Amino acid sequence: MKCPASVTRARGRVRRATQYTREGTAAHEVAERLVHGLDIPDEIEVEGETVPIDESMVEAVEVYVDYVDLLRKRSTHFFTETKVSVAGLPEPLFGTADTVGFNVHASPSIVEIVDLKFGKGVAVDAKDNAQLKIYGIGAVERLHAQGLVVDRVKLTIVQPRISSKPAVDSVELAAGDLLMWGIEELFPAAQRVARGDETEIPGAHCRWCVRAGECRAFAAMTHELAVRAFDPDPAMEVRDLNNDELAAFLDKADLVTAWTTLVRAEAAHRADQGGKIPGWKLVPKRALRKWIDENQAMNALAVREVPMTDVVKLVSPAAVERVLKSCKLDVKILDPYVVKQSSGTTLVRDSDKREELLALTPNSVFNPIPTTSSKHP
């Protein structure tokens, strides 16, 4: 809606996964399991990477689950992770709503869409949120198709890891006003996309665009902002800025940071593929300990008179070490059952003291086949 090129020039592109998107996907799966009373695993695999499920994630997700449970109790129609679409547009539009609840007996009848946001860097508002409005239109159309009349729509965002605002943020509007927004705002945007409009319109929305790293308009805007925001002025001191000036610099810094994050991610990707970024290298991330065999480790603890009531489950080597220390036992008994494994790579300057990790290429993995002469086939 804000930038036609984000769709028309990005068709077929797949968004590169990050640790944050994988964490968000895992949190949504945990939420889905909790809503339906299912067990939570210790880890979840997302796009080929393992995401550990710790207490902090579960505690944050439970804020969403508690809210959704109350919605379910007052709803006659309740859906989770349900696909919704908007009909009658020149461009297909659909998505997956985290939760939809509707009470046919309420007066006025109201449908509520609840969206879990697990991020903690950028606060998301329910007011004027186009994504939620689209979900709302899709939910209204779905209920209308079942012969149900919707008078009002409530749009709710649950973002438990944001400290700058309440974890639950809602806005309510008449269903007719929402559908009118679809006609006046959404339909024209879909028309622009359907016509193949490739206009690049940069702004704060660029941070989530799959094309952000290649968009010339975004690069030009961030460059201009960086020059204006960080142009050295010997007479200027940060402590002399007023609050409005600080806010303006912070707003600019966010966009510049978004651009530099994309640059760093692209550089790390190329280095991981064997490319050489002048002045930079890949090194292993801090190695984390994990169990080689949990059962063998448990047996080793049991025969050493460790109170197993304190070790119900091998959560991590560090947690078990704390139990051993409390029992005045040598933590080295765990050594045969623990291995250190790095969780990936990170890009650092050449001055970093860690040893460079060479990228895996066919030439680095396989020895060359020796040539043979015709005399010795």
Protein backbone atom coordinates (compact mmCIF):
# COMPACT_ATOMS: atom_id res chain seq x y z
CA MET A 1 0.00 0.00 0.00
CA LYS A 2 2.88 2.37 0.70
CA CYS A 3 5.22 1.23 -2.08
CA PRO A 4 4.05 -0.58 -5.26
CA ALA A 5 7.60 -1.73 -6.08
CA SER A 6 7.73 -3.75 -2.86
CA VAL A 7 5.34 -6.14 -4.62
CA THR A 8 5.74 -5.64 -8.38
CA ARG A 9 9.55 -5.81 -8.30
CA ALA A 10 9.69 -8.53 -5.68
CA ARG A 11 7.52 -11.24 -7.23
CA GLY A 12 9.01 -14.67 -6.68
CA ARG A 13 11.48 -13.40 -4.10
CA VAL A 14 11.81 -15.28 -0.83
CA ARG A 15 12.57 -13.32 2.32
CA ARG A 16 15.86 -14.46 3.83
CA ALA A 17 15.27 -15.85 7.31
CA THR A 18 16.95 -14.24 10.32
CA GLN A 19 17.28 -15.28 13.95
CA TYR A 20 14.44 -12.85 14.72
CA THR A 21 12.01 -14.22 12.12
CA ARG A 22 12.79 -17.78 13.19
CA GLU A 23 12.25 -16.85 16.83
CA GLY A 24 8.93 -15.24 15.94
CA THR A 25 7.81 -18.32 14.01
CA ALA A 26 8.74 -20.56 16.95
CA ALA A 27 6.87 -18.28 19.37
CA HIS A 28 3.74 -18.52 17.21
CA GLU A 29 3.96 -22.32 17.24
CA VAL A 30 4.33 -22.28 21.03
CA ALA A 31 1.28 -20.01 21.22
CA GLU A 32 -0.75 -22.35 19.01
CA ARG A 33 0.18 -25.32 21.17
CA LEU A 34 -0.68 -23.54 24.41
CA VAL A 35 -4.04 -22.34 23.06
CA HIS A 36 -4.97 -25.94 22.24
CA GLY A 37 -3.51 -27.45 25.44
CA LEU A 38 -0.65 -29.29 23.74
CA ASP A 39 2.80 -29.98 25.17
CA ILE A 40 5.62 -27.58 24.41
CA PRO A 41 8.87 -29.06 23.05
CA ASP A 42 12.28 -27.96 24.27
CA GLU A 43 13.14 -26.75 20.78
CA ILE A 44 11.46 -26.15 17.44
CA GLU A 45 13.06 -26.42 14.03
CA VAL A 46 12.36 -23.41 11.81
CA GLU A 47 13.69 -23.24 8.25
CA GLY A 48 16.54 -25.64 8.97
CA GLU A 49 17.59 -24.00 12.25
CA THR A 50 16.83 -25.10 15.80
CA VAL A 51 15.19 -22.50 18.05
CA PRO A 52 15.37 -23.28 21.78
CA ILE A 53 12.15 -22.76 23.73
CA ASP A 54 13.04 -21.20 27.06
CA GLU A 55 11.00 -19.93 29.98
CA SER A 56 11.21 -16.30 28.85
CA MET A 57 9.59 -17.15 25.51
CA VAL A 58 6.83 -19.18 27.15
CA GLU A 59 6.19 -16.45 29.72
CA ALA A 60 5.83 -13.81 26.99
CA VAL A 61 3.58 -15.97 24.82
CA GLU A 62 1.31 -16.74 27.79
CA VAL A 63 0.24 -13.07 27.79
CA TYR A 64 -1.25 -13.66 24.34
CA VAL A 65 -2.67 -17.07 25.30
CA ASP A 66 -4.45 -15.69 28.39
CA TYR A 67 -6.08 -12.98 26.29
CA VAL A 68 -7.12 -15.43 23.59
CA ASP A 69 -8.58 -17.82 26.18
CA LEU A 70 -10.91 -15.07 27.41
CA LEU A 71 -11.94 -14.34 23.80
CA ARG A 72 -12.67 -18.00 23.19
CA LYS A 73 -14.97 -18.19 26.22
CA ARG A 74 -17.17 -15.38 24.90
CA SER A 75 -17.14 -16.48 21.23
CA THR A 76 -19.57 -18.66 19.33
CA HIS A 77 -17.15 -18.89 16.38
CA PHE A 78 -13.44 -19.22 17.16
CA PHE A 79 -10.51 -19.82 14.81
CA THR A 80 -6.73 -19.87 15.25
CA GLU A 81 -4.06 -19.71 12.54
CA THR A 82 -6.82 -19.36 9.98
CA LYS A 83 -6.43 -18.21 6.37
CA VAL A 84 -8.45 -15.15 5.38
CA SER A 85 -8.65 -13.45 2.00
CA VAL A 86 -10.17 -10.31 0.49
CA ALA A 87 -12.40 -10.89 -2.51
CA GLY A 88 -13.05 -8.59 -5.47
CA LEU A 89 -9.53 -7.15 -5.74
CA PRO A 90 -7.56 -7.00 -9.02
CA GLU A 91 -4.62 -8.53 -7.13
CA PRO A 92 -4.91 -11.68 -4.94
CA LEU A 93 -4.64 -10.85 -1.25
CA PHE A 94 -4.70 -13.27 1.67
CA GLY A 95 -2.98 -13.99 4.96
CA THR A 96 -3.10 -16.05 8.13
CA ALA A 97 -4.81 -14.49 11.13
CA ASP A 98 -3.50 -15.67 14.48
CA THR A 99 -6.93 -15.64 16.17
CA VAL A 100 -10.46 -14.72 15.10
CA GLY A 101 -13.34 -14.71 17.60
CA PHE A 102 -17.00 -13.86 16.91
CA ASN A 103 -20.07 -13.85 19.15
CA VAL A 104 -23.24 -14.12 17.11
CA HIS A 105 -25.38 -13.44 20.19
CA ALA A 106 -23.72 -10.15 21.16
CA SER A 107 -25.49 -6.88 20.46
CA PRO A 108 -23.96 -5.31 18.52
CA SER A 109 -22.30 -8.39 17.00
CA ILE A 110 -18.54 -8.03 17.01
CA VAL A 111 -15.65 -9.96 15.49
CA GLU A 112 -12.19 -9.61 17.02
CA ILE A 113 -8.89 -10.30 15.29
CA VAL A 114 -5.91 -10.86 17.59
CA ASP A 115 -2.37 -10.74 16.25
CA LEU A 116 0.70 -11.81 18.24
CA LYS A 117 3.81 -9.69 17.68
CA PHE A 118 6.84 -11.26 19.36
CA GLY A 119 9.32 -8.54 18.41
CA LYS A 120 10.75 -6.24 21.03
CA GLY A 121 12.51 -3.66 18.87
CA VAL A 122 9.64 -1.84 17.15
CA ALA A 123 6.31 -1.19 18.86
CA VAL A 124 3.31 -1.91 16.62
CA ASP A 125 0.05 0.00 17.04
CA ALA A 126 -3.41 -1.43 16.44
CA LYS A 127 -4.72 1.96 15.28
CA ASP A 128 -4.53 2.48 11.50
CA ASN A 129 -2.80 -0.88 11.13
CA ALA A 130 -3.31 -1.93 7.50
CA GLN A 131 -2.39 -5.56 8.14
CA LEU A 132 -5.02 -5.94 10.85
CA LYS A 133 -7.61 -4.10 8.74
CA ILE A 134 -7.03 -6.55 5.89
CA TYR A 135 -7.46 -9.46 8.32
CA GLY A 136 -10.62 -7.77 9.57
CA ILE A 137 -12.10 -7.44 6.08
CA GLY A 138 -11.24 -11.09 5.38
CA ALA A 139 -12.91 -12.20 8.62
CA VAL A 140 -16.05 -10.15 7.92
CA GLU A 141 -16.33 -11.60 4.41
CA ARG A 142 -15.84 -15.11 5.75
CA LEU A 143 -18.60 -14.68 8.33
CA HIS A 144 -20.90 -12.99 5.78
CA ALA A 145 -20.46 -16.05 3.55
CA GLN A 146 -21.90 -18.11 6.43
CA GLY A 147 -24.94 -15.83 6.64
CA LEU A 148 -23.71 -14.04 9.76
CA VAL A 149 -24.05 -10.28 10.23
CA VAL A 150 -21.08 -8.39 11.69
CA ASP A 151 -21.75 -4.94 13.16
CA ARG A 152 -18.33 -4.06 14.56
CA VAL A 153 -14.72 -5.16 14.23
CA LYS A 154 -12.13 -5.12 17.01
CA LEU A 155 -8.47 -5.23 16.03
CA THR A 156 -6.03 -6.30 18.76
CA ILE A 157 -2.25 -6.59 18.86
CA VAL A 158 -0.54 -8.46 21.69
CA GLN A 159 3.14 -7.52 21.90
CA PRO A 160 4.33 -8.80 25.28
CA ARG A 161 8.02 -7.95 24.89
CA ILE A 162 7.53 -4.22 24.31
CA SER A 163 8.02 -2.20 27.49
CA SER A 164 7.15 1.22 26.05
CA LYS A 165 3.40 0.53 25.86
CA PRO A 166 0.76 -1.89 27.20
CA ALA A 167 1.16 -5.47 26.01
CA VAL A 168 -2.40 -5.49 24.63
CA ASP A 169 -3.46 -2.72 22.25
CA SER A 170 -6.90 -2.64 20.62
CA VAL A 171 -9.01 -0.44 18.39
CA GLU A 172 -12.67 -0.91 17.48
CA LEU A 173 -14.54 0.36 14.42
CA ALA A 174 -17.80 -0.18 12.59
CA ALA A 175 -17.74 -2.97 10.02
CA GLY A 176 -19.13 -0.55 7.41
CA ASP A 177 -16.27 1.89 8.00
CA LEU A 178 -13.74 -0.94 7.61
CA LEU A 179 -15.28 -2.07 4.33
CA MET A 180 -15.29 1.54 3.10
CA TRP A 181 -11.57 1.74 3.91
CA GLY A 182 -11.12 -1.32 1.74
CA ILE A 183 -12.85 0.43 -1.17
CA GLU A 184 -11.11 3.79 -0.77
CA GLU A 185 -7.59 2.69 0.26
CA LEU A 186 -7.01 -1.00 -0.32
CA PHE A 187 -8.62 -1.37 -3.75
CA PRO A 188 -6.61 1.48 -5.37
CA ALA A 189 -3.39 0.05 -3.94
CA ALA A 190 -4.23 -3.36 -5.42
CA GLN A 191 -4.94 -1.67 -8.75
CA ARG A 192 -1.51 -0.06 -8.78
CA VAL A 193 0.11 -3.42 -8.17
CA ALA A 194 -2.05 -5.17 -10.77
CA ARG A 195 -1.02 -2.55 -13.37
CA GLY A 196 2.64 -3.30 -12.68
CA ASP A 197 3.47 0.02 -11.05
CA GLU A 198 7.18 -0.15 -10.09
CA THR A 199 7.39 3.16 -8.24
CA GLU A 200 9.75 2.99 -5.25
CA ILE A 201 8.50 5.01 -2.28
CA PRO A 202 10.92 4.79 0.67
CA GLY A 203 9.95 5.23 4.30
CA ALA A 204 9.87 3.54 7.69
CA HIS A 205 8.10 0.57 6.08
CA CYS A 206 11.31 -0.31 4.19
CA ARG A 207 12.76 -2.13 7.19
CA TRP A 208 10.48 -5.11 6.45
CA CYS A 209 10.75 -5.11 2.66
CA VAL A 210 12.40 -8.04 0.90
CA ARG A 211 13.84 -5.55 -1.62
CA ALA A 212 15.29 -3.14 0.94
CA GLY A 213 18.85 -4.20 0.23
CA GLU A 214 18.56 -3.42 -3.50
CA CYS A 215 16.18 -0.45 -3.48
CA ARG A 216 17.93 2.67 -4.81
CA ALA A 217 15.28 4.97 -3.36
CA PHE A 218 15.80 3.54 0.14
CA ALA A 219 19.59 3.75 -0.22
CA ALA A 220 19.38 7.39 -1.34
CA MET A 221 17.04 8.28 1.53
CA THR A 222 19.20 6.64 4.20
CA HIS A 223 22.33 8.26 2.78
CA GLU A 224 20.71 11.69 2.95
CA LEU A 225 19.47 11.03 6.48
CA ALA A 226 22.91 9.85 7.57
CA VAL A 227 24.58 12.95 6.17
CA ARG A 228 22.09 15.24 7.88
CA ALA A 229 22.02 13.30 11.13
CA PHE A 230 25.71 12.63 11.57
CA ASP A 231 27.42 15.49 9.77
CA PRO A 232 30.10 16.46 12.30
CA ASP A 233 29.54 19.85 13.85
CA PRO A 234 32.22 20.85 16.36
CA ALA A 235 29.78 23.21 18.05
CA MET A 236 27.12 20.54 18.62
CA GLU A 237 27.02 18.34 21.69
CA VAL A 238 24.43 15.64 22.27
CA ARG A 239 23.64 16.90 25.74
CA ASP A 240 22.72 20.30 24.25
CA LEU A 241 19.97 18.84 22.03
CA ASN A 242 16.40 19.39 23.14
CA ASN A 243 13.95 16.50 23.34
CA ASP A 244 12.43 17.18 19.91
CA GLU A 245 15.89 17.23 18.33
CA LEU A 246 16.81 13.98 20.07
CA ALA A 247 13.59 12.39 18.79
CA ALA A 248 14.36 13.54 15.25
CA PHE A 249 17.86 12.05 15.41
CA LEU A 250 16.51 8.78 16.83
CA ASP A 251 13.96 8.51 14.02
CA LYS A 252 16.71 9.01 11.44
CA ALA A 253 19.01 6.59 13.24
CA ASP A 254 16.39 3.83 13.07
CA LEU A 255 16.25 3.99 9.28
CA VAL A 256 20.02 4.22 8.93
CA THR A 257 20.35 1.25 11.28
CA ALA A 258 17.86 -0.70 9.17
CA TRP A 259 20.00 -0.05 6.09
CA THR A 260 23.29 -0.98 7.78
CA THR A 261 21.67 -4.16 9.14
CA LEU A 262 20.82 -5.16 5.58
CA VAL A 263 24.37 -4.36 4.45
CA ARG A 264 25.83 -6.50 7.26
CA ALA A 265 23.47 -9.39 6.49
CA GLU A 266 24.37 -9.33 2.79
CA ALA A 267 28.10 -9.21 3.59
CA ALA A 268 27.78 -12.15 6.00
CA HIS A 269 25.81 -14.10 3.38
CA ARG A 270 28.45 -13.54 0.72
CA ALA A 271 31.28 -14.43 3.07
CA ASP A 272 29.41 -17.60 4.06
CA GLN A 273 29.27 -18.50 0.36
CA GLY A 274 33.04 -18.12 0.01
CA GLY A 275 33.26 -14.46 -0.95
CA LYS A 276 35.92 -12.21 0.53
CA ILE A 277 34.79 -8.90 2.02
CA PRO A 278 37.90 -6.66 2.28
CA GLY A 279 38.73 -6.02 5.91
CA TRP A 280 36.15 -8.50 7.27
CA LYS A 281 35.97 -12.22 8.00
CA LEU A 282 33.64 -14.88 9.44
CA VAL A 283 34.40 -16.39 12.84
CA PRO A 284 32.48 -18.98 14.89
CA LYS A 285 29.95 -17.64 17.36
CA ARG A 286 30.42 -18.40 21.04
CA ALA A 287 30.23 -22.16 21.50
CA LEU A 288 27.39 -23.41 23.69
CA ARG A 289 27.52 -26.69 25.55
CA LYS A 290 24.96 -29.38 24.82
CA TRP A 291 24.47 -32.99 25.85
CA ILE A 292 25.99 -35.76 23.73
CA ASP A 293 23.68 -38.33 25.32
CA GLU A 294 21.20 -37.25 28.02
CA ASN A 295 20.55 -40.83 29.20
CA GLN A 296 24.23 -41.57 29.78
CA ALA A 297 24.64 -38.30 31.63
CA MET A 298 21.62 -39.07 33.84
CA ASN A 299 23.05 -42.53 34.65
CA ALA A 300 26.40 -41.00 35.57
CA LEU A 301 24.66 -38.60 37.96
CA ALA A 302 22.50 -41.33 39.49
CA VAL A 303 25.43 -43.57 40.47
CA ARG A 304 27.14 -40.64 42.20
CA GLU A 305 24.32 -40.11 44.68
CA VAL A 306 23.10 -36.89 43.10
CA PRO A 307 19.58 -36.19 44.42
CA MET A 308 17.64 -36.85 41.22
CA THR A 309 14.60 -35.02 42.56
CA ASP A 310 16.63 -31.87 41.87
CA VAL A 311 17.46 -33.01 38.34
CA VAL A 312 14.08 -33.95 36.94
CA LYS A 313 15.20 -33.02 33.45
CA LEU A 314 18.55 -32.18 31.87
CA VAL A 315 17.74 -28.66 30.78
CA SER A 316 21.33 -27.59 30.16
CA PRO A 317 24.82 -28.52 31.35
CA ALA A 318 25.04 -25.23 33.25
CA ALA A 319 21.82 -25.98 35.17
CA VAL A 320 23.06 -29.44 36.17
CA GLU A 321 26.40 -27.97 37.20
CA ARG A 322 24.57 -25.75 39.68
CA VAL A 323 23.02 -28.85 41.25
CA LEU A 324 26.40 -30.59 41.41
CA LYS A 325 27.99 -27.60 43.13
CA SER A 326 25.18 -27.47 45.67
CA CYS A 327 25.93 -31.14 46.43
CA LYS A 328 29.66 -30.40 46.75
CA LEU A 329 30.40 -32.70 43.78
CA ASP A 330 33.00 -32.23 41.04
CA VAL A 331 31.44 -30.71 37.91
CA LYS A 332 34.07 -32.44 35.78
CA ILE A 333 32.08 -35.66 35.91
CA LEU A 334 29.95 -34.11 33.14
CA ASP A 335 32.90 -33.65 30.76
CA PRO A 336 32.52 -37.01 28.91
CA TYR A 337 28.86 -36.21 28.20
CA VAL A 338 29.13 -32.61 27.01
CA VAL A 339 30.32 -31.14 23.72
CA LYS A 340 30.69 -27.51 22.67
CA GLN A 341 29.07 -26.50 19.39
CA SER A 342 28.96 -23.05 17.83
CA SER A 343 25.50 -21.82 16.84
CA GLY A 344 26.71 -20.28 13.57
CA THR A 345 28.95 -17.50 12.32
CA THR A 346 29.20 -13.77 12.83
CA LEU A 347 30.92 -11.06 10.82
CA VAL A 348 33.70 -9.11 12.56
CA ARG A 349 36.63 -6.88 11.62
CA ASP A 350 40.01 -8.38 10.76
CA SER A 351 41.38 -6.96 14.03
CA ASP A 352 39.25 -9.45 15.99
CA LYS A 353 41.52 -11.98 17.72
CA ARG A 354 39.37 -15.00 16.87
CA GLU A 355 40.57 -17.33 14.13
CA GLU A 356 38.95 -16.87 10.74
CA LEU A 357 36.50 -19.57 9.70
CA LEU A 358 37.02 -20.61 6.10
CA ALA A 359 33.87 -21.00 4.04
CA LEU A 360 33.03 -24.50 2.84
CA THR A 361 33.57 -24.79 -0.90
CA PRO A 362 34.07 -27.87 -3.11
CA ASN A 363 37.81 -27.12 -3.29
CA SER A 364 38.14 -26.83 0.49
CA VAL A 365 36.20 -30.03 1.22
CA PHE A 366 37.43 -32.42 -1.48
CA ASN A 367 41.01 -33.21 -2.48
CA PRO A 368 41.72 -32.77 -6.19
CA ILE A 369 41.64 -35.98 -8.22
CA PRO A 370 45.23 -36.84 -9.17
CA THR A 371 45.93 -36.87 -12.86
CA THR A 372 47.00 -40.19 -14.38
CA SER A 373 49.22 -40.81 -17.34
CA SER A 374 48.36 -43.12 -20.20
CA LYS A 375 51.09 -45.53 -19.05
CA HIS A 376 49.48 -46.02 -15.66
CA PRO A 377 45.69 -46.01 -16.09
